Protein backbone atom coordinates (compact mmCIF):
# COMPACT_ATOMS: atom_id res chain seq x y z
CA UNK A 1 90.78 93.21 68.22
CA UNK A 2 91.00 96.88 67.14
CA UNK A 3 89.64 99.04 70.01
CA UNK A 4 89.13 102.70 69.66
CA UNK A 5 92.01 104.45 71.32
CA UNK A 6 92.38 108.11 72.49
CA UNK A 7 96.06 108.77 73.39
CA UNK A 8 98.07 111.76 74.32
CA UNK A 9 101.08 112.23 71.99
CA UNK A 10 103.26 113.21 74.89
CA UNK A 11 101.86 111.39 78.38
CA UNK A 12 99.91 113.74 80.62
CA UNK A 13 100.49 116.88 78.46
CA UNK A 14 97.01 117.02 77.01
CA UNK A 15 94.60 118.40 79.62
CA UNK A 16 90.93 117.55 79.74
CA UNK A 17 88.70 120.00 81.48
CA UNK A 18 85.26 118.90 80.66
CA UNK A 19 82.22 121.06 79.76
CA UNK A 20 80.31 123.71 81.82
CA UNK A 21 78.70 122.84 85.18
CA UNK A 22 79.16 119.47 86.53
CA UNK A 23 79.91 117.33 83.44
CA UNK A 24 82.40 114.68 83.29
CA UNK A 25 85.63 115.25 81.28
CA UNK A 26 85.40 111.62 80.19
CA UNK A 27 81.99 110.30 79.65
CA UNK A 28 81.72 106.64 78.30
CA UNK A 29 78.17 105.59 78.12
CA UNK A 30 76.73 102.50 76.34
CA UNK A 31 79.96 101.96 74.35
CA UNK A 32 82.32 99.18 73.92
CA UNK A 33 86.04 98.65 73.28
CA UNK A 34 87.42 102.10 74.19
CA UNK A 35 91.02 102.90 75.44
CA UNK A 36 91.88 106.10 77.18
CA UNK A 37 95.73 106.61 77.77
CA UNK A 38 98.06 109.20 78.93
CA UNK A 39 95.70 112.40 79.54
CA UNK A 40 95.76 114.84 82.45
CA UNK A 41 92.17 115.23 83.51
CA UNK A 42 91.83 118.46 85.66
CA UNK A 43 88.39 120.00 85.42
CA UNK A 44 88.09 123.80 85.13
CA UNK A 45 84.51 124.44 86.56
CA UNK A 46 84.07 124.37 90.35
CA UNK A 47 81.81 121.43 89.87
CA UNK A 48 83.78 119.70 87.30
CA UNK A 49 84.17 115.84 87.35
CA UNK A 50 86.84 113.26 85.90
CA UNK A 51 85.32 110.09 84.57
CA UNK A 52 81.99 108.21 84.15
CA UNK A 53 81.88 104.75 82.75
CA UNK A 54 78.22 103.70 82.54
CA UNK A 55 76.67 100.68 80.84
CA UNK A 56 79.92 100.12 79.08
CA UNK A 57 82.25 97.17 78.24
CA UNK A 58 85.70 96.60 77.59
CA UNK A 59 87.06 99.94 78.62
CA UNK A 60 90.72 100.64 79.55
CA UNK A 61 91.95 103.70 81.36
CA UNK A 62 95.84 103.68 81.35
CA UNK A 63 98.54 106.07 82.56
CA UNK A 64 96.00 108.91 83.18
CA UNK A 65 96.35 111.61 85.98
CA UNK A 66 93.12 112.69 87.50
CA UNK A 67 93.09 115.37 90.17
CA UNK A 68 91.56 118.36 91.74
CA UNK A 69 87.90 117.68 90.93
CA UNK A 70 85.07 119.62 92.87
CA UNK A 71 81.70 117.95 91.56
CA UNK A 72 80.21 115.07 93.63
CA UNK A 73 81.40 111.62 92.89
CA UNK A 74 84.07 112.63 90.35
CA UNK A 75 85.08 109.03 89.46
CA UNK A 76 82.04 106.55 88.89
CA UNK A 77 81.95 103.21 87.20
CA UNK A 78 78.39 101.80 86.95
CA UNK A 79 76.53 98.79 85.42
CA UNK A 80 79.64 98.00 83.38
CA UNK A 81 81.77 95.01 82.52
CA UNK A 82 85.49 94.44 81.79
CA UNK A 83 86.85 97.71 83.07
CA UNK A 84 90.50 98.06 83.62
CA UNK A 85 92.32 100.98 85.30
CA UNK A 86 96.06 100.83 85.20
CA UNK A 87 99.14 102.84 86.06
CA UNK A 88 97.13 105.99 86.81
CA UNK A 89 96.79 108.53 89.71
CA UNK A 90 93.61 109.46 91.24
CA UNK A 91 93.83 112.26 93.76
CA UNK A 92 92.55 115.50 95.49
CA UNK A 93 88.86 115.79 95.71
CA UNK A 94 87.58 118.23 98.25
CA UNK A 95 84.55 116.31 99.13
CA UNK A 96 83.13 112.97 100.43
CA UNK A 97 83.62 109.73 98.44
CA UNK A 98 86.10 109.99 95.39
CA UNK A 99 85.76 106.99 93.23
CA UNK A 100 82.78 104.58 93.37
CA UNK A 101 82.31 101.39 91.61
CA UNK A 102 78.68 100.06 91.52
CA UNK A 103 76.73 97.09 89.74
CA UNK A 104 79.68 96.01 87.76
CA UNK A 105 81.95 92.91 87.17
CA UNK A 106 85.21 91.84 85.72
CA UNK A 107 87.18 94.72 86.90
CA UNK A 108 90.88 95.28 87.23
CA UNK A 109 92.64 98.02 89.13
CA UNK A 110 96.33 97.70 88.82
CA UNK A 111 99.46 99.89 89.45
CA UNK A 112 97.60 103.19 90.49
CA UNK A 113 98.17 105.71 93.14
CA UNK A 114 94.88 106.69 94.87
CA UNK A 115 94.79 109.37 97.54
CA UNK A 116 93.33 112.50 99.18
CA UNK A 117 89.59 112.80 99.80
CA UNK A 118 87.47 113.63 102.79
CA UNK A 119 86.09 110.02 103.40
CA UNK A 120 86.86 107.21 101.06
CA UNK A 121 88.91 107.52 97.95
CA UNK A 122 88.00 104.03 96.51
CA UNK A 123 84.65 102.52 97.25
CA UNK A 124 82.58 99.57 96.10
CA UNK A 125 78.98 100.12 96.91
CA UNK A 126 76.01 99.35 97.06
CA UNK A 127 76.80 96.13 99.20
CA UNK A 128 77.25 93.13 97.09
CA UNK A 129 76.76 94.74 93.79
CA UNK A 130 80.17 94.11 92.21
CA UNK A 131 81.79 90.77 91.44
CA UNK A 132 85.07 89.33 89.84
CA UNK A 133 87.54 92.17 91.09
CA UNK A 134 91.40 92.20 90.98
CA UNK A 135 93.01 95.13 92.98
CA UNK A 136 96.80 94.66 92.62
CA UNK A 137 100.05 96.70 93.02
CA UNK A 138 98.27 99.94 94.01
CA UNK A 139 99.38 102.52 96.44
CA UNK A 140 96.82 103.68 98.82
CA UNK A 141 97.95 106.72 100.59
CA UNK A 142 94.68 108.44 101.57
CA UNK A 143 96.14 111.38 103.86
CA UNK A 144 92.78 113.01 104.53
CA UNK A 145 90.61 109.91 105.41
CA UNK A 146 90.46 106.00 104.97
CA UNK A 147 92.10 103.91 102.18
CA UNK A 148 89.20 102.03 100.53
CA UNK A 149 85.76 100.47 101.22
CA UNK A 150 84.55 97.12 100.09
CA UNK A 151 81.08 96.14 101.16
CA UNK A 152 80.12 92.37 100.65
CA UNK A 153 81.80 92.50 97.14
CA UNK A 154 82.09 88.88 95.55
CA UNK A 155 85.14 87.06 94.31
CA UNK A 156 87.81 89.65 95.24
CA UNK A 157 91.58 89.35 94.80
CA UNK A 158 93.39 92.21 96.80
CA UNK A 159 97.29 91.64 96.48
CA UNK A 160 100.53 93.38 96.45
CA UNK A 161 99.13 96.76 97.43
CA UNK A 162 100.66 99.32 99.83
CA UNK A 163 98.28 100.93 102.33
CA UNK A 164 99.68 103.81 104.16
CA UNK A 165 98.97 107.15 105.81
CA UNK A 166 95.42 106.83 106.45
CA UNK A 167 94.18 109.67 108.86
CA UNK A 168 91.10 110.35 110.90
CA UNK A 169 90.35 113.79 109.10
CA UNK A 170 87.46 116.19 109.57
CA UNK A 171 85.19 114.06 107.11
CA UNK A 172 86.64 110.61 107.25
CA UNK A 173 84.60 109.15 110.32
CA UNK A 174 87.88 106.99 111.17
CA UNK A 175 90.98 105.61 109.33
CA UNK A 176 89.34 102.13 109.09
CA UNK A 177 89.27 100.80 105.58
CA UNK A 178 86.72 98.06 104.85
CA UNK A 179 87.41 94.60 103.55
CA UNK A 180 83.87 93.26 103.77
CA UNK A 181 83.83 90.65 101.05
CA UNK A 182 82.67 87.18 99.97
CA UNK A 183 84.82 84.50 98.50
CA UNK A 184 87.88 86.51 98.53
CA UNK A 185 91.66 86.58 99.09
CA UNK A 186 93.62 89.17 100.79
CA UNK A 187 97.44 88.59 100.44
CA UNK A 188 101.03 90.05 99.92
CA UNK A 189 100.01 93.45 101.06
CA UNK A 190 101.88 95.92 103.24
CA UNK A 191 99.84 97.94 105.60
CA UNK A 192 102.15 100.46 107.43
CA UNK A 193 102.44 103.80 109.05
CA UNK A 194 98.70 104.60 109.42
CA UNK A 195 97.37 107.03 112.04
CA UNK A 196 94.84 104.63 113.60
CA UNK A 197 93.54 101.11 112.90
CA UNK A 198 93.92 101.01 108.99
CA UNK A 199 91.67 97.93 108.15
CA UNK A 200 88.46 96.62 109.77
CA UNK A 201 85.71 94.12 109.03
CA UNK A 202 82.41 94.69 110.88
CA UNK A 203 79.84 92.28 109.29
CA UNK A 204 76.17 93.39 109.27
CA UNK A 205 73.16 92.10 107.71
CA UNK A 206 74.00 93.51 104.24
CA UNK A 207 77.72 93.71 104.78
CA UNK A 208 78.99 90.22 104.60
CA UNK A 209 82.37 88.91 105.56
CA UNK A 210 82.79 85.23 104.75
CA UNK A 211 84.81 82.62 102.88
CA UNK A 212 87.94 85.07 103.03
CA UNK A 213 91.51 84.12 103.27
CA UNK A 214 94.11 86.48 104.53
CA UNK A 215 97.85 85.45 104.35
CA UNK A 216 101.30 86.73 103.83
CA UNK A 217 100.47 90.36 104.74
CA UNK A 218 102.81 92.82 106.71
CA UNK A 219 101.11 95.08 109.27
CA UNK A 220 103.82 97.56 110.67
CA UNK A 221 104.15 100.74 112.67
CA UNK A 222 100.35 101.36 112.69
CA UNK A 223 98.95 103.57 115.57
CA UNK A 224 96.65 100.97 116.61
CA UNK A 225 95.72 97.49 115.37
CA UNK A 226 96.52 96.55 111.98
CA UNK A 227 93.45 94.47 111.25
CA UNK A 228 90.30 94.45 113.37
CA UNK A 229 87.40 92.07 113.01
CA UNK A 230 84.22 92.64 114.95
CA UNK A 231 81.37 89.98 114.95
CA UNK A 232 78.52 91.27 117.19
CA UNK A 233 79.93 92.22 120.43
CA UNK A 234 83.17 90.19 120.10
CA UNK A 235 86.22 92.05 118.68
CA UNK A 236 89.22 90.16 117.30
């Protein structure tokens, strides 16, 4: 009932720059009941990173701006439970995959703006390692690549999100966001004005796509299909 809270007195005026080398500016390892609120995370070093949540529980990241990282995988949640990221901005990583969530469960991402990295700004990996996930009311505007990647995650609710401006950039490998998941719901989303096919599901042995309901979504003004499903040699 009384978590430890680190909060900027005036929102986003306190800048966290991290330590030397490739250290994370926010490093939460083997801790519980920690709230981070209202910071600006912008690492100084050329290899600086934003956030690591590792083997932690009951962590909340709120109203935090994370931008201009240089170190590999600047946002990482691993082996953790009950992690909530709300009303934050995660953007501008001049690399490959920007935010990765691995081996974790009971996750909430709500009201965030996520954009600008070479390949995938928001990735759940390895396949099937995450469970009980809510992704709600976010804006995905990748600009340099695809919007997100779910690889056989279990019990996913993806709703009321905006997905726009996916682009087949030099490092993106295509505009295709992945929604491979199991026992999941994809509803009330708007997917519009993307520079290619914005969302696809191509099941393979480890990348499962089953027991998924997709309804009440809007696909509008995309350069190719809105949603592509490819099972073997048959594309839908």
